[in-house]
Amino acid sequence: MNENRQDFNALVDMAMANPGLSAMRPVVEKELLHYEIFQALDAEGLLKGLVFQGGTSLRLCRGSDRFSEDLDFAGGKDFSAESMQKIAACMEKRIGQRFGLLVAVHHKQAQGAEDGIKHIRVNKWWISIETTPENPAMPRQKIKQEVASIPAHTRELVPLRANYDLLSAMPTVLVNAESLDEIMADKVLAFPTSLLDHQDQPVGLDSSKIRHRDIWDLAQMTRFVDSATVAKTLAADGYADYLASSVAGLFIQMQTALGTKP
């Protein structure tokens, strides 16, 4: 085991000193690697054209207490395969050299978005990082990064929050992040699609397709988003019409659970 590898173990051990994280080592490893990814992209100047989206942006930029695994970005309409290759090369170089870990980047060619909006092209790739090579029983950590070849409608320059005391000495990374209003709008639209299968039939309540995390994130955001925005989204009767009869009942339950029902 080389010295760099020991450094990563030590970093995780320091974070795990928090008693509340005792059973969450794989999650903590992944989040610490998120910070390393952002440090690497920032050092190479590759963050400038990206806008950070989704639940992980709420965790790292807005103070959400929900751990999130994926890194989602809007890359703009000019984002290309060449841009993606630069990011992939940066990941392999910086993460591998920083900790002596085996990093593999897997790329999936652009295709229609999974939400069925076929005119949106989404480039996808994910990163596999072998954090525990000495323990074959432990799976590789897989960090999925997605870049949508579309522009974000909003962007705010915000610092990454240091969710662990040990990160306080790291240089502050400023990230272009979507506004809370836009993230809320994205999730308000995305959640209903997770309630239907590919034949537009309701899925079972135990289906893994349902984006339960969106309900959690929406509840978190109602603490920060102004009441006018909530009134135009979750509290709007028209949104129930959008959900249609098959899922309207669940929408009413969601309104009630989030405290947005008039």
C-alpha atoms as a PDB file:
ATOM      1  CA  MET A   1       0.000   0.000   0.000  1.00  0.00           C
ATOM      2  CA  ASN A   2       1.600   3.262  -1.060  1.00  0.00           C
ATOM      3  CA  GLU A   3       1.810   6.477   0.929  1.00  0.00           C
ATOM      4  CA  ASN A   4      -0.818   8.276  -1.155  1.00  0.00           C
ATOM      5  CA  ARG A   5      -3.301   5.480  -0.528  1.00  0.00           C
ATOM      6  CA  GLN A   6      -2.702   5.756   3.194  1.00  0.00           C
ATOM      7  CA  ASP A   7      -3.345   9.483   2.956  1.00  0.00           C
ATOM      8  CA  PHE A   8      -6.805   8.837   1.529  1.00  0.00           C
ATOM      9  CA  ASN A   9      -7.599   6.317   4.252  1.00  0.00           C
ATOM     10  CA  ALA A  10      -6.450   8.836   6.841  1.00  0.00           C
ATOM     11  CA  LEU A  11      -8.634  11.531   5.287  1.00  0.00           C
ATOM     12  CA  VAL A  12     -11.694   9.295   5.477  1.00  0.00           C
ATOM     13  CA  ASP A  13     -10.823   8.205   9.025  1.00  0.00           C
ATOM     14  CA  MET A  14     -10.696  11.849  10.113  1.00  0.00           C
ATOM     15  CA  ALA A  15     -14.142  12.494   8.661  1.00  0.00           C
ATOM     16  CA  MET A  16     -15.475   9.322  10.277  1.00  0.00           C
ATOM     17  CA  ALA A  17     -14.509  10.654  13.707  1.00  0.00           C
ATOM     18  CA  ASN A  18     -17.989  12.187  13.738  1.00  0.00           C
ATOM     19  CA  PRO A  19     -20.107   9.612  15.649  1.00  0.00           C
ATOM     20  CA  GLY A  20     -23.103  10.376  13.445  1.00  0.00           C
ATOM     21  CA  LEU A  21     -21.262   8.968  10.425  1.00  0.00           C
ATOM     22  CA  SER A  22     -20.181   5.650  11.951  1.00  0.00           C
ATOM     23  CA  ALA A  23     -22.120   3.467   9.489  1.00  0.00           C
ATOM     24  CA  MET A  24     -21.653   5.682   6.450  1.00  0.00           C
ATOM     25  CA  ARG A  25     -18.063   5.195   5.326  1.00  0.00           C
ATOM     26  CA  PRO A  26     -18.855   4.508   1.619  1.00  0.00           C
ATOM     27  CA  VAL A  27     -21.027   7.639   1.499  1.00  0.00           C
ATOM     28  CA  VAL A  28     -18.354   9.751   3.188  1.00  0.00           C
ATOM     29  CA  GLU A  29     -15.675   8.405   0.820  1.00  0.00           C
ATOM     30  CA  LYS A  30     -17.805   9.404  -2.138  1.00  0.00           C
ATOM     31  CA  GLU A  31     -18.467  12.901  -0.823  1.00  0.00           C
ATOM     32  CA  LEU A  32     -14.789  13.511  -0.096  1.00  0.00           C
ATOM     33  CA  LEU A  33     -14.071  12.451  -3.670  1.00  0.00           C
ATOM     34  CA  HIS A  34     -16.665  15.002  -4.826  1.00  0.00           C
ATOM     35  CA  TYR A  35     -14.531  17.709  -3.248  1.00  0.00           C
ATOM     36  CA  GLU A  36     -11.419  16.349  -4.932  1.00  0.00           C
ATOM     37  CA  ILE A  37     -13.222  16.322  -8.281  1.00  0.00           C
ATOM     38  CA  PHE A  38     -14.186  19.970  -7.892  1.00  0.00           C
ATOM     39  CA  GLN A  39     -10.652  20.922  -6.844  1.00  0.00           C
ATOM     40  CA  ALA A  40      -9.317  19.174  -9.951  1.00  0.00           C
ATOM     41  CA  LEU A  41     -11.826  20.747 -12.355  1.00  0.00           C
ATOM     42  CA  ASP A  42     -11.233  24.185 -10.853  1.00  0.00           C
ATOM     43  CA  ALA A  43      -7.444  23.865 -11.121  1.00  0.00           C
ATOM     44  CA  GLU A  44      -7.766  23.010 -14.824  1.00  0.00           C
ATOM     45  CA  GLY A  45     -10.255  25.819 -15.491  1.00  0.00           C
ATOM     46  CA  LEU A  46     -12.944  23.331 -16.501  1.00  0.00           C
ATOM     47  CA  LEU A  47     -15.701  24.604 -14.205  1.00  0.00           C
ATOM     48  CA  LYS A  48     -16.188  27.882 -16.058  1.00  0.00           C
ATOM     49  CA  GLY A  49     -18.556  26.501 -18.672  1.00  0.00           C
ATOM     50  CA  LEU A  50     -20.538  24.237 -16.342  1.00  0.00           C
ATOM     51  CA  VAL A  51     -23.559  24.968 -14.150  1.00  0.00           C
ATOM     52  CA  PHE A  52     -23.985  22.665 -11.142  1.00  0.00           C
ATOM     53  CA  GLN A  53     -27.493  21.194 -10.805  1.00  0.00           C
ATOM     54  CA  GLY A  54     -29.531  18.759  -8.788  1.00  0.00           C
ATOM     55  CA  GLY A  55     -29.502  17.287  -5.324  1.00  0.00           C
ATOM     56  CA  THR A  56     -25.723  17.250  -4.902  1.00  0.00           C
ATOM     57  CA  SER A  57     -25.611  20.986  -5.586  1.00  0.00           C
ATOM     58  CA  LEU A  58     -28.105  21.409  -2.739  1.00  0.00           C
ATOM     59  CA  ARG A  59     -25.816  19.365  -0.493  1.00  0.00           C
ATOM     60  CA  LEU A  60     -22.490  20.978  -1.420  1.00  0.00           C
ATOM     61  CA  CYS A  61     -23.634  24.548  -2.108  1.00  0.00           C
ATOM     62  CA  ARG A  62     -26.868  25.147  -0.182  1.00  0.00           C
ATOM     63  CA  GLY A  63     -26.474  23.223   3.063  1.00  0.00           C
ATOM     64  CA  SER A  64     -28.879  20.315   2.498  1.00  0.00           C
ATOM     65  CA  ASP A  65     -28.426  17.488   4.980  1.00  0.00           C
ATOM     66  CA  ARG A  66     -29.237  14.772   2.405  1.00  0.00           C
ATOM     67  CA  PHE A  67     -26.164  12.974   1.073  1.00  0.00           C
ATOM     68  CA  SER A  68     -26.246  12.780  -2.720  1.00  0.00           C
ATOM     69  CA  GLU A  69     -24.115  10.658  -5.043  1.00  0.00           C
ATOM     70  CA  ASP A  70     -24.351  12.067  -8.572  1.00  0.00           C
ATOM     71  CA  LEU A  71     -22.812  15.215 -10.032  1.00  0.00           C
ATOM     72  CA  ASP A  72     -25.104  16.849 -12.585  1.00  0.00           C
ATOM     73  CA  PHE A  73     -24.180  19.798 -14.781  1.00  0.00           C
ATOM     74  CA  ALA A  74     -25.628  21.871 -17.588  1.00  0.00           C
ATOM     75  CA  GLY A  75     -22.844  22.336 -20.116  1.00  0.00           C
ATOM     76  CA  GLY A  76     -24.550  24.655 -22.590  1.00  0.00           C
ATOM     77  CA  LYS A  77     -25.526  23.952 -26.180  1.00  0.00           C
ATOM     78  CA  ASP A  78     -21.879  24.067 -27.318  1.00  0.00           C
ATOM     79  CA  PHE A  79     -20.720  21.359 -24.921  1.00  0.00           C
ATOM     80  CA  SER A  80     -18.995  18.705 -27.002  1.00  0.00           C
ATOM     81  CA  ALA A  81     -17.357  15.314 -26.814  1.00  0.00           C
ATOM     82  CA  GLU A  82     -14.011  17.134 -26.834  1.00  0.00           C
ATOM     83  CA  SER A  83     -15.041  19.070 -23.722  1.00  0.00           C
ATOM     84  CA  MET A  84     -15.989  15.824 -22.066  1.00  0.00           C
ATOM     85  CA  GLN A  85     -12.659  14.221 -22.915  1.00  0.00           C
ATOM     86  CA  LYS A  86     -10.821  17.076 -21.194  1.00  0.00           C
ATOM     87  CA  ILE A  87     -12.856  16.512 -18.052  1.00  0.00           C
ATOM     88  CA  ALA A  88     -12.319  12.753 -18.199  1.00  0.00           C
ATOM     89  CA  ALA A  89      -8.552  13.203 -18.606  1.00  0.00           C
ATOM     90  CA  CYS A  90      -8.513  15.611 -15.670  1.00  0.00           C
ATOM     91  CA  MET A  91     -10.287  13.076 -13.461  1.00  0.00           C
ATOM     92  CA  GLU A  92      -7.950  10.239 -14.360  1.00  0.00           C
ATOM     93  CA  LYS A  93      -4.871  12.396 -13.812  1.00  0.00           C
ATOM     94  CA  ARG A  94      -5.765  14.362 -10.691  1.00  0.00           C
ATOM     95  CA  ILE A  95      -7.654  11.772  -8.653  1.00  0.00           C
ATOM     96  CA  GLY A  96      -5.304   8.929  -9.544  1.00  0.00           C
ATOM     97  CA  GLN A  97      -2.144  10.909  -8.833  1.00  0.00           C
ATOM     98  CA  ARG A  98      -3.540  12.582  -5.730  1.00  0.00           C
ATOM     99  CA  PHE A  99      -4.292   9.368  -3.885  1.00  0.00           C
ATOM    100  CA  GLY A 100      -2.767   6.582  -5.937  1.00  0.00           C
ATOM    101  CA  LEU A 101      -6.235   5.219  -6.690  1.00  0.00           C
ATOM    102  CA  LEU A 102      -7.339   3.391  -9.805  1.00  0.00           C
ATOM    103  CA  VAL A 103      -9.740   5.623 -11.740  1.00  0.00           C
ATOM    104  CA  ALA A 104     -11.717   4.534 -14.794  1.00  0.00           C
ATOM    105  CA  VAL A 105     -13.940   6.882 -16.779  1.00  0.00           C
ATOM    106  CA  HIS A 106     -16.804   5.372 -18.776  1.00  0.00           C
ATOM    107  CA  HIS A 107     -18.544   7.366 -21.477  1.00  0.00           C
ATOM    108  CA  LYS A 108     -22.021   6.904 -22.904  1.00  0.00           C
ATOM    109  CA  GLN A 109     -22.782   8.639 -26.176  1.00  0.00           C
ATOM    110  CA  ALA A 110     -25.361  11.431 -26.180  1.00  0.00           C
ATOM    111  CA  GLN A 111     -28.943  10.310 -26.506  1.00  0.00           C
ATOM    112  CA  GLY A 112     -32.430  11.535 -25.752  1.00  0.00           C
ATOM    113  CA  ALA A 113     -32.971  12.347 -22.111  1.00  0.00           C
ATOM    114  CA  GLU A 114     -34.541   9.614 -19.979  1.00  0.00           C
ATOM    115  CA  ASP A 115     -37.500  11.835 -19.126  1.00  0.00           C
ATOM    116  CA  GLY A 116     -38.807  11.276 -22.631  1.00  0.00           C
ATOM    117  CA  ILE A 117     -38.025  14.748 -23.935  1.00  0.00           C
ATOM    118  CA  LYS A 118     -36.288  13.438 -27.018  1.00  0.00           C
ATOM    119  CA  HIS A 119     -34.937  16.748 -28.279  1.00  0.00           C
ATOM    120  CA  ILE A 120     -32.682  17.163 -25.229  1.00  0.00           C
ATOM    121  CA  ARG A 121     -29.305  15.524 -25.780  1.00  0.00           C
ATOM    122  CA  VAL A 122     -27.495  14.350 -22.665  1.00  0.00           C
ATOM    123  CA  ASN A 123     -23.851  13.279 -22.624  1.00  0.00           C
ATOM    124  CA  LYS A 124     -23.217  10.885 -19.764  1.00  0.00           C
ATOM    125  CA  TRP A 125     -20.196   9.384 -18.137  1.00  0.00           C
ATOM    126  CA  TRP A 126     -19.436   7.911 -14.772  1.00  0.00           C
ATOM    127  CA  ILE A 127     -16.273   7.482 -12.782  1.00  0.00           C
ATOM    128  CA  SER A 128     -15.299   4.255 -11.034  1.00  0.00           C
ATOM    129  CA  ILE A 129     -12.765   4.777  -8.268  1.00  0.00           C
ATOM    130  CA  GLU A 130     -11.281   1.776  -6.486  1.00  0.00           C
ATOM    131  CA  THR A 131     -11.013   3.048  -2.932  1.00  0.00           C
ATOM    132  CA  THR A 132     -10.526  -0.329  -1.228  1.00  0.00           C
ATOM    133  CA  PRO A 133      -8.372  -2.558  -3.493  1.00  0.00           C
ATOM    134  CA  GLU A 134      -7.193  -4.567  -0.498  1.00  0.00           C
ATOM    135  CA  ASN A 135     -10.779  -5.609   0.275  1.00  0.00           C
ATOM    136  CA  PRO A 136     -12.390  -7.373  -2.711  1.00  0.00           C
ATOM    137  CA  ALA A 137     -15.668  -7.607  -0.785  1.00  0.00           C
ATOM    138  CA  MET A 138     -16.081  -3.835  -1.044  1.00  0.00           C
ATOM    139  CA  PRO A 139     -17.385  -2.568  -4.407  1.00  0.00           C
ATOM    140  CA  ARG A 140     -15.748   0.256  -6.291  1.00  0.00           C
ATOM    141  CA  GLN A 141     -17.152   3.657  -5.565  1.00  0.00           C
ATOM    142  CA  LYS A 142     -18.996   4.798  -8.680  1.00  0.00           C
ATOM    143  CA  ILE A 143     -19.477   8.515  -9.042  1.00  0.00           C
ATOM    144  CA  LYS A 144     -21.745   9.349 -11.947  1.00  0.00           C
ATOM    145  CA  GLN A 145     -21.252  12.688 -13.647  1.00  0.00           C
ATOM    146  CA  GLU A 146     -23.715  13.883 -16.251  1.00  0.00           C
ATOM    147  CA  VAL A 147     -23.500  16.899 -18.495  1.00  0.00           C
ATOM    148  CA  ALA A 148     -26.600  17.986 -20.384  1.00  0.00           C
ATOM    149  CA  SER A 149     -25.839  19.782 -23.626  1.00  0.00           C
ATOM    150  CA  ILE A 150     -28.343  22.496 -22.749  1.00  0.00           C
ATOM    151  CA  PRO A 151     -27.984  25.887 -21.050  1.00  0.00           C
ATOM    152  CA  ALA A 152     -29.156  26.560 -17.517  1.00  0.00           C
ATOM    153  CA  HIS A 153     -31.666  29.392 -17.246  1.00  0.00           C
ATOM    154  CA  THR A 154     -30.059  30.706 -14.057  1.00  0.00           C
ATOM    155  CA  ARG A 155     -26.615  30.644 -12.502  1.00  0.00           C
ATOM    156  CA  GLU A 156     -25.277  31.933  -9.217  1.00  0.00           C
ATOM    157  CA  LEU A 157     -21.595  31.939  -8.270  1.00  0.00           C
ATOM    158  CA  VAL A 158     -21.463  30.248  -4.878  1.00  0.00           C
ATOM    159  CA  PRO A 159     -18.703  28.618  -2.821  1.00  0.00           C
ATOM    160  CA  LEU A 160     -18.611  24.922  -2.050  1.00  0.00           C
ATOM    161  CA  ARG A 161     -19.426  24.427   1.615  1.00  0.00           C
ATOM    162  CA  ALA A 162     -16.919  22.544   3.748  1.00  0.00           C
ATOM    163  CA  ASN A 163     -19.094  19.793   5.228  1.00  0.00           C
ATOM    164  CA  TYR A 164     -16.150  18.429   7.228  1.00  0.00           C
ATOM    165  CA  ASP A 165     -13.748  20.305   9.492  1.00  0.00           C
ATOM    166  CA  LEU A 166     -10.782  18.671   7.774  1.00  0.00           C
ATOM    167  CA  LEU A 167     -11.689  20.509   4.530  1.00  0.00           C
ATOM    168  CA  SER A 168     -11.346  23.966   6.040  1.00  0.00           C
ATOM    169  CA  ALA A 169      -7.720  24.213   4.863  1.00  0.00           C
ATOM    170  CA  MET A 170      -8.595  23.447   1.236  1.00  0.00           C
ATOM    171  CA  PRO A 171      -8.833  26.362  -1.207  1.00  0.00           C
ATOM    172  CA  THR A 172     -12.401  27.586  -1.609  1.00  0.00           C
ATOM    173  CA  VAL A 173     -13.889  26.568  -4.947  1.00  0.00           C
ATOM    174  CA  LEU A 174     -16.470  28.886  -6.503  1.00  0.00           C
ATOM    175  CA  VAL A 175     -19.065  27.083  -8.591  1.00  0.00           C
ATOM    176  CA  ASN A 176     -21.734  28.294 -10.987  1.00  0.00           C
ATOM    177  CA  ALA A 177     -24.859  26.709  -9.512  1.00  0.00           C
ATOM    178  CA  GLU A 178     -28.468  26.788 -10.590  1.00  0.00           C
ATOM    179  CA  SER A 179     -30.711  28.983  -8.472  1.00  0.00           C
ATOM    180  CA  LEU A 180     -32.968  27.349  -5.911  1.00  0.00           C
ATOM    181  CA  ASP A 181     -35.963  28.474  -7.976  1.00  0.00           C
ATOM    182  CA  GLU A 182     -34.739  26.593 -11.053  1.00  0.00           C
ATOM    183  CA  ILE A 183     -33.788  23.470  -9.098  1.00  0.00           C
ATOM    184  CA  MET A 184     -37.247  23.475  -7.530  1.00  0.00           C
ATOM    185  CA  ALA A 185     -38.857  23.836 -10.959  1.00  0.00           C
ATOM    186  CA  ASP A 186     -36.735  20.948 -12.298  1.00  0.00           C
ATOM    187  CA  LYS A 187     -37.784  18.687  -9.436  1.00  0.00           C
ATOM    188  CA  VAL A 188     -41.444  19.698  -9.598  1.00  0.00           C
ATOM    189  CA  LEU A 189     -41.410  18.575 -13.241  1.00  0.00           C
ATOM    190  CA  ALA A 190     -39.209  15.496 -12.769  1.00  0.00           C
ATOM    191  CA  PHE A 191     -40.980  13.890  -9.817  1.00  0.00           C
ATOM    192  CA  PRO A 192     -44.265  13.090 -11.638  1.00  0.00           C
ATOM    193  CA  THR A 193     -42.418  11.357 -14.487  1.00  0.00           C
ATOM    194  CA  SER A 194     -40.934   8.923 -11.973  1.00  0.00           C
ATOM    195  CA  LEU A 195     -44.431   7.773 -11.022  1.00  0.00           C
ATOM    196  CA  LEU A 196     -45.154   6.353 -14.475  1.00  0.00           C
ATOM    197  CA  ASP A 197     -43.581   3.528 -16.442  1.00  0.00           C
ATOM    198  CA  HIS A 198     -42.584   3.655 -20.112  1.00  0.00           C
ATOM    199  CA  GLN A 199     -46.204   2.939 -21.080  1.00  0.00           C
ATOM    200  CA  ASP A 200     -47.390   5.907 -18.983  1.00  0.00           C
ATOM    201  CA  GLN A 201     -48.951   3.579 -16.421  1.00  0.00           C
ATOM    202  CA  PRO A 202     -48.568   4.213 -12.668  1.00  0.00           C
ATOM    203  CA  VAL A 203     -45.716   2.263 -11.093  1.00  0.00           C
ATOM    204  CA  GLY A 204     -46.059   0.460  -7.774  1.00  0.00           C
ATOM    205  CA  LEU A 205     -45.441   2.462  -4.625  1.00  0.00           C
ATOM    206  CA  ASP A 206     -42.409   0.257  -3.934  1.00  0.00           C
ATOM    207  CA  SER A 207     -40.870   0.923  -7.360  1.00  0.00           C
ATOM    208  CA  SER A 208     -37.224   1.989  -7.372  1.00  0.00           C
ATOM    209  CA  LYS A 209     -38.116   4.342 -10.232  1.00  0.00           C
ATOM    210  CA  ILE A 210     -39.909   6.754  -7.890  1.00  0.00           C
ATOM    211  CA  ARG A 211     -37.681   9.719  -7.093  1.00  0.00           C
ATOM    212  CA  HIS A 212     -38.326   9.839  -3.340  1.00  0.00           C
ATOM    213  CA  ARG A 213     -35.263  12.043  -3.003  1.00  0.00           C
ATOM    214  CA  ASP A 214     -37.120  14.801  -4.851  1.00  0.00           C
ATOM    215  CA  ILE A 215     -39.749  14.964  -2.105  1.00  0.00           C
ATOM    216  CA  TRP A 216     -36.980  15.333   0.475  1.00  0.00           C
ATOM    217  CA  ASP A 217     -35.245  18.032  -1.570  1.00  0.00           C
ATOM    218  CA  LEU A 218     -38.477  19.924  -2.192  1.00  0.00           C
ATOM    219  CA  ALA A 219     -39.181  19.908   1.535  1.00  0.00           C
ATOM    220  CA  GLN A 220     -35.684  21.278   2.160  1.00  0.00           C
ATOM    221  CA  MET A 221     -36.052  23.995  -0.453  1.00  0.00           C
ATOM    222  CA  THR A 222     -39.355  25.284   0.891  1.00  0.00           C
ATOM    223  CA  ARG A 223     -37.299  26.603   3.815  1.00  0.00           C
ATOM    224  CA  PHE A 224     -35.256  28.846   1.511  1.00  0.00           C
ATOM    225  CA  VAL A 225     -37.341  29.562  -1.597  1.00  0.00           C
ATOM    226  CA  ASP A 226     -39.642  32.573  -1.334  1.00  0.00           C
ATOM    227  CA  SER A 227     -43.358  32.007  -0.878  1.00  0.00           C
ATOM    228  CA  ALA A 228     -44.190  33.458  -4.300  1.00  0.00           C
ATOM    229  CA  THR A 229     -42.177  30.720  -6.019  1.00  0.00           C
ATOM    230  CA  VAL A 230     -43.808  28.003  -3.916  1.00  0.00           C
ATOM    231  CA  ALA A 231     -47.221  29.463  -4.775  1.00  0.00           C
ATOM    232  CA  LYS A 232     -46.432  29.149  -8.487  1.00  0.00           C
ATOM    233  CA  THR A 233     -45.225  25.543  -8.191  1.00  0.00           C
ATOM    234  CA  LEU A 234     -46.135  23.150  -5.390  1.00  0.00           C
ATOM    235  CA  ALA A 235     -49.085  25.207  -4.120  1.00  0.00           C
ATOM    236  CA  ALA A 236     -50.604  25.806  -7.559  1.00  0.00           C
ATOM    237  CA  ASP A 237     -53.800  23.941  -8.400  1.00  0.00           C
ATOM    238  CA  GLY A 238     -52.652  23.823 -12.031  1.00  0.00           C
ATOM    239  CA  TYR A 239     -49.799  21.534 -11.055  1.00  0.00           C
ATOM    240  CA  ALA A 240     -52.314  18.887 -10.010  1.00  0.00           C
ATOM    241  CA  ASP A 241     -53.775  19.103 -13.524  1.00  0.00           C
ATOM    242  CA  TYR A 242     -50.286  18.487 -14.910  1.00  0.00           C
ATOM    243  CA  LEU A 243     -49.964  15.336 -12.837  1.00  0.00           C
ATOM    244  CA  ALA A 244     -53.321  14.091 -14.199  1.00  0.00           C
ATOM    245  CA  SER A 245     -55.698  11.734 -12.483  1.00  0.00           C
ATOM    246  CA  SER A 246     -53.307   8.776 -12.145  1.00  0.00           C
ATOM    247  CA  VAL A 247     -51.006  10.586  -9.714  1.00  0.00           C
ATOM    248  CA  ALA A 248     -53.078  13.554  -8.517  1.00  0.00           C
ATOM    249  CA  GLY A 249     -53.806  11.850  -5.216  1.00  0.00           C
ATOM    250  CA  LEU A 250     -50.109  11.424  -4.490  1.00  0.00           C
ATOM    251  CA  PHE A 251     -49.567  15.089  -5.373  1.00  0.00           C
ATOM    252  CA  ILE A 252     -52.151  16.136  -2.759  1.00  0.00           C
ATOM    253  CA  GLN A 253     -50.323  13.987  -0.209  1.00  0.00           C
ATOM    254  CA  MET A 254     -47.035  15.638  -1.200  1.00  0.00           C
ATOM    255  CA  GLN A 255     -48.577  19.113  -0.786  1.00  0.00           C
ATOM    256  CA  THR A 256     -49.803  18.160   2.669  1.00  0.00           C
ATOM    257  CA  ALA A 257     -46.485  16.597   3.713  1.00  0.00           C
ATOM    258  CA  LEU A 258     -44.560  19.694   2.619  1.00  0.00           C
ATOM    259  CA  GLY A 259     -46.992  22.080   4.279  1.00  0.00           C
ATOM    260  CA  THR A 260     -47.747  23.909   1.032  1.00  0.00           C
ATOM    261  CA  LYS A 261     -51.435  23.016   0.749  1.00  0.00           C
ATOM    262  CA  PRO A 262     -53.579  26.150   1.253  1.00  0.00           C
END
